[in-house]
């Protein structure tokens, strides 16, 4: 971040290596260590589960490339929020940011924090499940520590991201190499009749995709911090292609390794598949996999905080959240009020939350808004072809991803309607009820002004300008 006469600007600090680390590091979180058993149990056969993993990678890649075009047409931080603001208007953008700060970002952070906690305490409870209260306390500790790091220094947060990224890739490399050794040793027995028992129900595909795509979540991380990226028109699409190709390749090889060492039954019945794999391959040294998986989730949680704070900042700058959330620390130049707010909501979601439910409702909400964003990109390509586009994709790509997004939103509801999906939908649309009195008619402005001045002095923050 740099200072000028007008105010504070977020620094263009993130180069291509940092960009690839942020995408790959946020994607490779807890998912690959938690989701394989859920994908397999939903779809029913090893062969079909590998097809699902490859299809999820392809969908993330196509989505990432569509977003790369949006990021160069609308070169502002804030991801879907800022795109909806420019394409669909202020009310839809507010519905998104309301759902994002209350459901999506806290659910994502809480799901990852719970995975971190599960793996961190697993070595101390080798023969039984750890107490739920302990897991939630460790998860809360991780959320608070990373919030503090992100408030103190963007540079330190980036260093943690790169270090955890290296640990992650090493852990996945160990799983892959272990799998290759076992493949030569044991042969391909688990892959014979690989598609036998595949579930062909529409809903089964939807749930398998939800669980697989949870592992790929983070493919759009860079669009939340476009203003901090060096040469976004070059580095944004390049980082998307490098990072998502790397992650998809690693995920497929890791799943092959899991299925070589464990039978499908063992995989489905495992709580933490990397630990089960580690115990079978390394014996008493299996705890190393637990440590690596915990560090992996820690890095992903860090990336979630880094990008999530930026959305609050941009929404407040546009007048959709209290002004104080758009401010940055005077000396450290980090969006600390937005980070503190995200932390508090995440801790509240943690109290009742369970991993499985969090993933499904997060995915439902996220793909609902991805669909709106992609429809906006198609609209821009047809109606405003004259806009400057340093990078562009063929129109067929956003159409394909939009069809997939609509399928992902509707499939689980049609196949297995649950009242919770109705609650989530009502919650998304309830954003309008808050928008009309508080944003459009600006009720209670003097109270908000006094609170803003108090917090500005207490937190030592000042307004942050746009980086263009």
Protein backbone atom coordinates (compact mmCIF):
# COMPACT_ATOMS: atom_id res chain seq x y z
CA UNK A 1 0.00 0.00 0.00
CA UNK A 2 1.33 3.51 -0.73
CA UNK A 3 0.34 7.00 0.42
CA UNK A 4 -0.49 9.94 -1.83
CA UNK A 5 -2.10 13.38 -1.35
CA UNK A 6 -5.61 11.96 -1.56
CA UNK A 7 -5.30 9.14 0.99
CA UNK A 8 -4.05 5.59 1.20
CA UNK A 9 -3.72 3.08 -1.64
CA UNK A 10 -3.35 -0.69 -1.49
CA UNK A 11 0.16 -1.50 -2.80
CA UNK A 12 0.67 -3.44 -6.03
CA UNK A 13 2.79 -5.99 -4.17
CA UNK A 14 1.73 -9.32 -5.67
CA UNK A 15 3.83 -10.64 -8.61
CA UNK A 16 3.31 -13.83 -10.66
CA UNK A 17 4.84 -16.18 -8.02
CA UNK A 18 2.74 -14.60 -5.26
CA UNK A 19 -0.34 -14.75 -7.54
CA UNK A 20 0.11 -18.47 -8.31
CA UNK A 21 0.73 -19.12 -4.58
CA UNK A 22 -2.46 -17.30 -3.61
CA UNK A 23 -4.64 -19.25 -6.08
CA UNK A 24 -3.00 -22.67 -5.58
CA UNK A 25 -2.47 -22.08 -1.85
CA UNK A 26 -6.11 -21.11 -1.23
CA UNK A 27 -7.40 -23.98 -3.39
CA UNK A 28 -5.20 -26.68 -1.84
CA UNK A 29 -6.56 -26.32 1.65
CA UNK A 30 -8.44 -28.88 3.61
CA UNK A 31 -10.45 -30.22 0.68
CA UNK A 32 -8.06 -32.76 -0.81
CA UNK A 33 -7.49 -34.18 2.69
CA UNK A 34 -11.21 -34.23 3.60
CA UNK A 35 -13.40 -34.51 0.46
CA UNK A 36 -12.23 -37.69 -1.41
CA UNK A 37 -14.31 -40.00 0.79
CA UNK A 38 -17.44 -37.84 0.32
CA UNK A 39 -16.98 -37.69 -3.47
CA UNK A 40 -16.53 -41.48 -3.62
CA UNK A 41 -19.52 -42.23 -1.36
CA UNK A 42 -21.76 -39.86 -3.41
CA UNK A 43 -20.75 -41.21 -6.84
CA UNK A 44 -20.19 -44.86 -5.86
CA UNK A 45 -17.15 -46.02 -7.88
CA UNK A 46 -13.39 -45.22 -8.04
CA UNK A 47 -13.41 -44.61 -11.82
CA UNK A 48 -16.34 -42.20 -11.68
CA UNK A 49 -14.79 -40.36 -8.70
CA UNK A 50 -11.63 -39.68 -10.77
CA UNK A 51 -13.84 -38.39 -13.63
CA UNK A 52 -15.58 -36.05 -11.13
CA UNK A 53 -12.21 -34.72 -9.88
CA UNK A 54 -11.03 -34.06 -13.46
CA UNK A 55 -14.37 -32.40 -14.37
CA UNK A 56 -14.21 -30.18 -11.25
CA UNK A 57 -10.68 -29.09 -12.30
CA UNK A 58 -11.87 -28.30 -15.83
CA UNK A 59 -14.85 -26.32 -14.49
CA UNK A 60 -12.58 -24.34 -12.12
CA UNK A 61 -10.18 -23.61 -15.02
CA UNK A 62 -12.97 -22.39 -17.33
CA UNK A 63 -14.48 -20.32 -14.50
CA UNK A 64 -11.05 -18.85 -13.69
CA UNK A 65 -10.44 -17.84 -17.33
CA UNK A 66 -13.90 -16.19 -17.57
CA UNK A 67 -13.12 -14.31 -14.36
CA UNK A 68 -9.70 -13.32 -15.77
CA UNK A 69 -11.51 -11.49 -18.60
CA UNK A 70 -13.84 -9.80 -16.07
CA UNK A 71 -10.80 -8.82 -13.99
CA UNK A 72 -9.24 -7.01 -16.96
CA UNK A 73 -12.51 -5.38 -18.18
CA UNK A 74 -13.35 -4.19 -14.63
CA UNK A 75 -9.86 -3.79 -13.07
CA UNK A 76 -11.02 -3.30 -9.46
CA UNK A 77 -10.66 -5.49 -6.34
CA UNK A 78 -13.78 -7.11 -4.90
CA UNK A 79 -14.48 -10.08 -7.18
CA UNK A 80 -18.14 -10.90 -7.84
CA UNK A 81 -19.31 -7.93 -5.75
CA UNK A 82 -17.74 -5.27 -7.94
CA UNK A 83 -18.76 -7.10 -11.15
CA UNK A 84 -22.41 -7.30 -10.02
CA UNK A 85 -22.28 -3.64 -9.00
CA UNK A 86 -21.14 -2.64 -12.51
CA UNK A 87 -23.37 -5.12 -14.42
CA UNK A 88 -26.52 -5.86 -12.39
CA UNK A 89 -26.88 -2.76 -10.20
CA UNK A 90 -26.57 -1.85 -6.54
CA UNK A 91 -29.38 -4.02 -5.10
CA UNK A 92 -28.04 -7.32 -6.52
CA UNK A 93 -24.49 -6.35 -5.46
CA UNK A 94 -25.75 -5.67 -1.93
CA UNK A 95 -27.55 -9.05 -1.83
CA UNK A 96 -24.22 -10.65 -2.75
CA UNK A 97 -22.11 -8.76 -0.21
CA UNK A 98 -24.72 -9.37 2.52
CA UNK A 99 -24.64 -13.15 1.80
CA UNK A 100 -20.87 -13.07 1.37
CA UNK A 101 -20.05 -11.51 4.74
CA UNK A 102 -22.71 -13.39 6.74
CA UNK A 103 -22.72 -16.83 4.99
CA UNK A 104 -20.07 -17.50 2.34
CA UNK A 105 -16.80 -16.14 3.70
CA UNK A 106 -17.44 -17.15 7.36
CA UNK A 107 -18.68 -20.61 6.25
CA UNK A 108 -15.57 -21.06 4.11
CA UNK A 109 -13.25 -19.88 6.91
CA UNK A 110 -15.05 -22.00 9.52
CA UNK A 111 -15.02 -25.15 7.34
CA UNK A 112 -11.27 -24.78 6.75
CA UNK A 113 -10.59 -23.95 10.43
CA UNK A 114 -12.51 -27.09 11.52
CA UNK A 115 -10.41 -29.20 9.10
CA UNK A 116 -7.22 -27.63 10.49
CA UNK A 117 -8.34 -28.41 14.03
CA UNK A 118 -9.34 -32.03 13.18
CA UNK A 119 -5.86 -32.72 11.75
CA UNK A 120 -4.00 -30.74 14.42
CA UNK A 121 -5.49 -32.77 17.29
CA UNK A 122 -5.75 -36.15 15.45
CA UNK A 123 -2.27 -37.46 16.57
CA UNK A 124 -3.29 -37.03 20.24
CA UNK A 125 -6.40 -39.24 19.79
CA UNK A 126 -5.12 -42.20 17.73
CA UNK A 127 -7.89 -44.66 18.66
CA UNK A 128 -10.96 -42.41 18.95
CA UNK A 129 -12.51 -39.17 17.66
CA UNK A 130 -11.30 -35.98 19.40
CA UNK A 131 -13.83 -34.11 21.62
CA UNK A 132 -15.90 -31.63 19.58
CA UNK A 133 -15.33 -28.79 22.08
CA UNK A 134 -11.54 -29.17 21.78
CA UNK A 135 -11.74 -29.16 17.95
CA UNK A 136 -13.85 -25.99 17.97
CA UNK A 137 -11.51 -24.24 20.45
CA UNK A 138 -8.45 -25.04 18.27
CA UNK A 139 -10.37 -23.84 15.18
CA UNK A 140 -11.25 -20.57 16.97
CA UNK A 141 -7.58 -20.13 17.98
CA UNK A 142 -6.45 -20.52 14.33
CA UNK A 143 -9.02 -17.95 13.14
CA UNK A 144 -7.88 -15.38 15.76
CA UNK A 145 -4.13 -15.91 15.12
CA UNK A 146 -4.47 -15.50 11.34
CA UNK A 147 -6.74 -12.47 11.73
CA UNK A 148 -4.00 -10.84 13.85
CA UNK A 149 -1.30 -11.71 11.28
CA UNK A 150 -3.36 -10.21 8.44
CA UNK A 151 -4.03 -7.07 10.51
CA UNK A 152 -0.33 -6.61 11.31
CA UNK A 153 1.27 -7.11 7.90
CA UNK A 154 0.27 -8.02 4.34
CA UNK A 155 3.90 -9.00 3.71
CA UNK A 156 3.89 -11.48 6.64
CA UNK A 157 0.55 -12.93 5.40
CA UNK A 158 2.12 -13.42 1.94
CA UNK A 159 5.20 -15.15 3.47
CA UNK A 160 2.93 -17.54 5.45
CA UNK A 161 1.03 -18.23 2.21
CA UNK A 162 4.21 -19.16 0.29
CA UNK A 163 5.63 -21.32 3.17
CA UNK A 164 2.35 -23.23 3.61
CA UNK A 165 2.13 -23.64 -0.17
CA UNK A 166 5.57 -25.34 -0.18
CA UNK A 167 4.56 -27.65 2.74
CA UNK A 168 1.34 -28.50 0.89
CA UNK A 169 3.02 -29.40 -2.38
CA UNK A 170 5.62 -31.50 -0.48
CA UNK A 171 2.84 -33.35 1.42
CA UNK A 172 0.97 -34.05 -1.81
CA UNK A 173 4.24 -35.13 -3.49
CA UNK A 174 4.85 -37.60 -0.61
CA UNK A 175 1.33 -39.03 -1.08
CA UNK A 176 1.87 -39.31 -4.86
CA UNK A 177 5.33 -40.94 -4.55
CA UNK A 178 4.03 -43.29 -1.84
CA UNK A 179 1.18 -44.20 -4.19
CA UNK A 180 3.60 -44.89 -7.10
CA UNK A 181 5.70 -47.19 -4.88
CA UNK A 182 2.58 -49.03 -3.65
CA UNK A 183 1.24 -49.24 -7.23
CA UNK A 184 4.35 -51.19 -8.29
CA UNK A 185 4.17 -53.23 -5.09
CA UNK A 186 0.43 -54.03 -4.96
CA UNK A 187 -0.63 -53.61 -8.59
CA UNK A 188 -3.88 -52.01 -9.82
CA UNK A 189 -6.34 -54.31 -8.04
CA UNK A 190 -8.54 -51.48 -6.70
CA UNK A 191 -9.02 -50.06 -10.21
CA UNK A 192 -10.29 -53.25 -11.87
CA UNK A 193 -13.98 -52.80 -12.80
CA UNK A 194 -13.41 -49.15 -11.81
CA UNK A 195 -16.89 -47.94 -12.86
CA UNK A 196 -18.86 -50.75 -11.22
CA UNK A 197 -21.55 -49.45 -8.86
CA UNK A 198 -21.61 -45.86 -10.21
CA UNK A 199 -24.59 -43.81 -8.95
CA UNK A 200 -26.35 -42.31 -11.97
CA UNK A 201 -28.81 -40.09 -10.05
CA UNK A 202 -28.70 -36.36 -10.91
CA UNK A 203 -28.52 -35.42 -7.22
CA UNK A 204 -25.57 -37.79 -6.63
CA UNK A 205 -23.61 -35.97 -9.33
CA UNK A 206 -24.59 -32.61 -7.77
CA UNK A 207 -23.42 -33.59 -4.26
CA UNK A 208 -20.22 -35.21 -5.63
CA UNK A 209 -19.49 -31.97 -7.52
CA UNK A 210 -20.20 -29.87 -4.39
CA UNK A 211 -17.66 -31.88 -2.41
CA UNK A 212 -15.09 -31.93 -5.24
CA UNK A 213 -15.50 -28.22 -5.99
CA UNK A 214 -15.04 -27.42 -2.28
CA UNK A 215 -11.45 -28.66 -2.83
CA UNK A 216 -11.08 -26.32 -5.83
CA UNK A 217 -12.67 -23.33 -4.06
CA UNK A 218 -10.30 -20.39 -4.36
CA UNK A 219 -9.97 -20.43 -8.17
CA UNK A 220 -11.30 -16.84 -8.14
CA UNK A 221 -9.06 -15.58 -5.26
CA UNK A 222 -7.06 -13.14 -7.41
CA UNK A 223 -10.20 -11.28 -8.55
CA UNK A 224 -10.65 -10.11 -4.96
CA UNK A 225 -7.24 -8.39 -4.97
CA UNK A 226 -6.84 -7.19 -8.58
CA UNK A 227 -5.71 -3.75 -7.35
CA UNK A 228 -2.74 -5.34 -5.52
CA UNK A 229 -1.58 -7.35 -8.55
CA UNK A 230 1.36 -6.24 -10.71
CA UNK A 231 0.32 -6.08 -14.44
CA UNK A 232 -3.08 -7.79 -13.89
CA UNK A 233 -3.85 -7.98 -17.65
CA UNK A 234 -0.88 -10.38 -18.08
CA UNK A 235 -0.53 -11.99 -14.66
CA UNK A 236 -4.22 -12.71 -13.96
CA UNK A 237 -4.88 -15.23 -16.80
CA UNK A 238 -1.32 -16.60 -16.59
CA UNK A 239 -1.61 -17.27 -12.83
CA UNK A 240 -5.05 -18.91 -13.32
CA UNK A 241 -3.74 -21.33 -15.99
CA UNK A 242 -0.54 -22.24 -14.08
CA UNK A 243 -2.18 -22.63 -10.65
CA UNK A 244 -5.33 -24.55 -11.66
CA UNK A 245 -3.41 -26.92 -14.00
CA UNK A 246 -0.96 -27.64 -11.18
CA UNK A 247 -3.75 -28.26 -8.65
CA UNK A 248 -5.86 -30.47 -10.96
CA UNK A 249 -2.84 -32.64 -11.82
CA UNK A 250 -1.87 -33.01 -8.16
CA UNK A 251 -5.46 -33.82 -7.08
CA UNK A 252 -5.84 -36.59 -9.69
CA UNK A 253 -2.51 -38.18 -8.76
CA UNK A 254 -3.33 -37.93 -5.03
CA UNK A 255 -6.70 -39.66 -5.56
CA UNK A 256 -5.00 -42.44 -7.56
CA UNK A 257 -2.57 -42.84 -4.63
CA UNK A 258 -5.40 -42.98 -2.05
CA UNK A 259 -7.21 -45.62 -4.11
CA UNK A 260 -4.02 -47.66 -4.60
CA UNK A 261 -3.31 -47.89 -0.86
CA UNK A 262 -6.89 -48.00 0.47
CA UNK A 263 -9.85 -50.03 -0.80
CA UNK A 264 -12.96 -47.95 -1.69
CA UNK A 265 -14.61 -49.24 1.54
CA UNK A 266 -11.65 -48.09 3.70
CA UNK A 267 -11.64 -44.72 1.96
CA UNK A 268 -15.37 -44.10 2.49
CA UNK A 269 -15.23 -45.09 6.18
CA UNK A 270 -12.21 -42.83 6.92
CA UNK A 271 -12.73 -39.58 8.85
CA UNK A 272 -9.41 -38.04 7.75
CA UNK A 273 -8.24 -39.84 4.63
CA UNK A 274 -4.64 -38.49 4.63
CA UNK A 275 -4.09 -39.81 8.18
CA UNK A 276 -5.57 -43.24 7.32
CA UNK A 277 -3.28 -43.31 4.25
CA UNK A 278 -0.27 -42.22 6.38
CA UNK A 279 -0.89 -44.91 9.00
CA UNK A 280 -1.01 -47.63 6.30
CA UNK A 281 2.12 -46.44 4.47
CA UNK A 282 4.29 -45.01 7.29
CA UNK A 283 2.97 -46.95 10.29
CA UNK A 284 3.94 -45.13 13.51
CA UNK A 285 5.12 -42.09 11.46
CA UNK A 286 1.57 -41.52 10.16
CA UNK A 287 1.28 -38.36 12.34
CA UNK A 288 3.52 -36.54 9.79
CA UNK A 289 0.60 -36.57 7.33
CA UNK A 290 -1.63 -35.13 10.03
CA UNK A 291 0.83 -32.25 10.58
CA UNK A 292 1.17 -31.59 6.83
CA UNK A 293 -2.62 -31.58 6.34
CA UNK A 294 -3.03 -29.17 9.30
CA UNK A 295 -0.43 -26.77 7.81
CA UNK A 296 -2.14 -27.04 4.44
CA UNK A 297 -5.49 -26.00 5.93
CA UNK A 298 -3.71 -23.19 7.87
CA UNK A 299 -2.39 -21.73 4.59
CA UNK A 300 -5.81 -21.96 2.98
CA UNK A 301 -7.40 -20.19 5.96
CA UNK A 302 -4.78 -17.44 5.62
CA UNK A 303 -5.64 -16.96 1.90
CA UNK A 304 -9.35 -16.84 2.79
CA UNK A 305 -8.73 -14.03 5.30
CA UNK A 306 -6.44 -12.12 2.92
CA UNK A 307 -9.03 -12.01 0.12
CA UNK A 308 -12.15 -11.82 2.35
CA UNK A 309 -11.05 -8.64 4.07
CA UNK A 310 -10.69 -7.00 0.64
CA UNK A 311 -14.38 -7.56 -0.24
CA UNK A 312 -15.57 -5.80 2.93
CA UNK A 313 -13.21 -2.94 2.10
CA UNK A 314 -14.54 -2.52 -1.47
CA UNK A 315 -18.22 -2.83 -0.43
CA UNK A 316 -17.76 -0.19 2.29
CA UNK A 317 -15.99 2.06 -0.23
CA UNK A 318 -19.11 1.82 -2.45
CA UNK A 319 -21.37 2.75 0.49
CA UNK A 320 -22.87 -0.72 1.11
CA UNK A 321 -21.25 -1.29 4.50
CA UNK A 322 -20.31 1.16 7.29
CA UNK A 323 -17.49 3.56 6.21
CA UNK A 324 -15.09 2.27 8.86
CA UNK A 325 -14.85 -1.08 7.00
CA UNK A 326 -13.36 0.69 3.96
CA UNK A 327 -10.46 2.06 6.00
CA UNK A 328 -6.89 0.86 6.31
CA UNK A 329 -4.40 1.14 9.18
CA UNK A 330 -2.43 4.41 8.98
CA UNK A 331 1.01 2.79 9.49
CA UNK A 332 0.58 -0.91 8.65
CA UNK A 333 -1.64 -0.20 5.61
CA UNK A 334 -3.79 -3.34 6.09
CA UNK A 335 -7.65 -3.33 5.95
CA UNK A 336 -7.84 -4.15 9.69
CA UNK A 337 -11.49 -3.10 10.46
CA UNK A 338 -12.78 -5.37 7.66
CA UNK A 339 -10.59 -8.25 8.92
CA UNK A 340 -11.81 -7.83 12.52
CA UNK A 341 -15.43 -7.87 11.32
CA UNK A 342 -14.86 -11.05 9.23
CA UNK A 343 -13.23 -12.72 12.26
CA UNK A 344 -16.14 -11.97 14.61
CA UNK A 345 -18.74 -13.37 12.16
CA UNK A 346 -16.57 -16.48 11.50
CA UNK A 347 -16.36 -17.21 15.23
CA UNK A 348 -20.17 -16.92 15.51
CA UNK A 349 -20.67 -19.39 12.60
CA UNK A 350 -18.19 -21.78 14.27
CA UNK A 351 -20.39 -22.24 17.37
CA UNK A 352 -23.21 -24.31 15.72
CA UNK A 353 -21.36 -25.40 12.54
CA UNK A 354 -20.55 -28.93 11.28
CA UNK A 355 -18.19 -29.56 8.32
CA UNK A 356 -20.57 -31.47 6.01
CA UNK A 357 -23.47 -29.01 6.27
CA UNK A 358 -21.17 -25.99 5.96
CA UNK A 359 -19.72 -27.30 2.66
CA UNK A 360 -23.11 -27.97 1.04
CA UNK A 361 -24.68 -24.63 1.96
CA UNK A 362 -21.52 -22.70 1.10
CA UNK A 363 -21.39 -24.37 -2.35
CA UNK A 364 -25.10 -23.74 -3.01
CA UNK A 365 -24.79 -20.00 -2.19
CA UNK A 366 -21.47 -19.56 -4.02
CA UNK A 367 -22.64 -21.15 -7.29
CA UNK A 368 -25.88 -19.13 -7.19
CA UNK A 369 -23.78 -15.95 -7.36
CA UNK A 370 -21.21 -17.38 -9.80
CA UNK A 371 -24.17 -17.96 -12.18
CA UNK A 372 -25.26 -14.30 -11.92
CA UNK A 373 -21.67 -13.10 -12.51
CA UNK A 374 -21.19 -15.32 -15.60
CA UNK A 375 -24.57 -14.20 -17.01
CA UNK A 376 -23.22 -10.64 -16.61
CA UNK A 377 -20.06 -11.51 -18.57
CA UNK A 378 -22.16 -12.98 -21.42
CA UNK A 379 -24.29 -9.78 -21.40
CA UNK A 380 -21.15 -7.58 -21.59
CA UNK A 381 -19.72 -9.64 -24.48
CA UNK A 382 -22.96 -9.31 -26.51
CA UNK A 383 -24.10 -5.77 -25.60
CA UNK A 384 -20.78 -3.96 -25.00
CA UNK A 385 -18.18 -5.45 -27.35
CA UNK A 386 -16.43 -2.05 -27.55
CA UNK A 387 -15.12 -2.19 -23.92
CA UNK A 388 -11.31 -2.52 -23.73
CA UNK A 389 -10.41 -6.20 -23.14
CA UNK A 390 -6.67 -6.82 -22.66
CA UNK A 391 -7.61 -10.53 -22.26
CA UNK A 392 -10.70 -12.27 -23.61
CA UNK A 393 -12.20 -15.77 -23.82
CA UNK A 394 -14.57 -17.22 -26.50
CA UNK A 395 -18.24 -16.67 -25.55
CA UNK A 396 -18.81 -20.46 -25.39
CA UNK A 397 -16.73 -20.69 -22.16
CA UNK A 398 -18.97 -18.52 -19.93
CA UNK A 399 -22.04 -20.25 -21.46
CA UNK A 400 -20.68 -23.72 -20.51
CA UNK A 401 -19.77 -22.61 -16.96
CA UNK A 402 -23.17 -20.88 -16.56
CA UNK A 403 -25.00 -24.12 -17.52
CA UNK A 404 -22.83 -26.03 -14.99
CA UNK A 405 -23.56 -23.41 -12.29
CA UNK A 406 -27.34 -23.63 -12.87
CA UNK A 407 -27.12 -27.45 -12.69
CA UNK A 408 -25.15 -27.26 -9.42
CA UNK A 409 -27.73 -24.95 -7.83
CA UNK A 410 -30.80 -26.94 -8.97
CA UNK A 411 -29.65 -30.62 -8.92
CA UNK A 412 -29.53 -31.22 -5.12
CA UNK A 413 -32.84 -29.36 -4.61
CA UNK A 414 -34.68 -31.35 -7.31
CA UNK A 415 -33.23 -34.73 -6.25
CA UNK A 416 -33.42 -34.33 -2.47
CA UNK A 417 -35.29 -31.17 -1.38
CA UNK A 418 -34.19 -29.96 2.07
CA UNK A 419 -35.79 -27.13 4.04
CA UNK A 420 -32.31 -25.67 4.72
CA UNK A 421 -31.88 -24.75 1.03
CA UNK A 422 -35.11 -22.73 1.27
CA UNK A 423 -33.75 -20.92 4.36
CA UNK A 424 -30.53 -20.08 2.52
CA UNK A 425 -32.47 -18.76 -0.51
CA UNK A 426 -34.75 -16.64 1.71
CA UNK A 427 -31.68 -15.31 3.50
CA UNK A 428 -30.05 -14.26 0.20
CA UNK A 429 -33.18 -12.34 -0.82
CA UNK A 430 -33.64 -10.84 2.67
CA UNK A 431 -30.70 -8.59 1.75
CA UNK A 432 -33.27 -6.41 -0.09
CA UNK A 433 -35.14 -5.75 3.22
CA UNK A 434 -31.95 -4.36 4.75
CA UNK A 435 -30.94 -2.45 1.58
CA UNK A 436 -34.09 -0.30 1.33
CA UNK A 437 -34.12 1.34 4.82
CA UNK A 438 -30.41 1.38 5.69
CA UNK A 439 -28.62 1.85 2.36
CA UNK A 440 -31.18 3.55 0.10
CA UNK A 441 -32.87 5.77 2.73
CA UNK A 442 -29.82 5.90 5.07
CA UNK A 443 -31.64 5.62 8.44
CA UNK A 444 -29.75 6.59 11.65
CA UNK A 445 -26.86 8.44 9.90
CA UNK A 446 -25.73 10.50 12.95
CA UNK A 447 -25.33 7.41 15.19
CA UNK A 448 -23.23 5.71 12.49
CA UNK A 449 -21.06 8.83 12.04
CA UNK A 450 -20.26 8.98 15.79
CA UNK A 451 -19.43 5.26 15.84
CA UNK A 452 -17.21 5.62 12.74
CA UNK A 453 -15.24 8.51 14.30
CA UNK A 454 -14.75 6.57 17.56
CA UNK A 455 -13.56 3.42 15.74
CA UNK A 456 -11.34 5.43 13.38
CA UNK A 457 -9.47 6.92 16.37
CA UNK A 458 -9.45 3.66 18.35
CA UNK A 459 -8.17 1.48 15.47
CA UNK A 460 -5.92 4.19 13.91
CA UNK A 461 -7.40 3.84 10.44
CA UNK A 462 -8.06 6.18 7.48
CA UNK A 463 -10.03 5.86 4.21
CA UNK A 464 -8.32 3.82 1.44
CA UNK A 465 -8.45 5.12 -2.14
CA UNK A 466 -8.92 3.02 -5.31
CA UNK A 467 -5.83 1.63 -7.03
CA UNK A 468 -6.29 2.06 -10.78
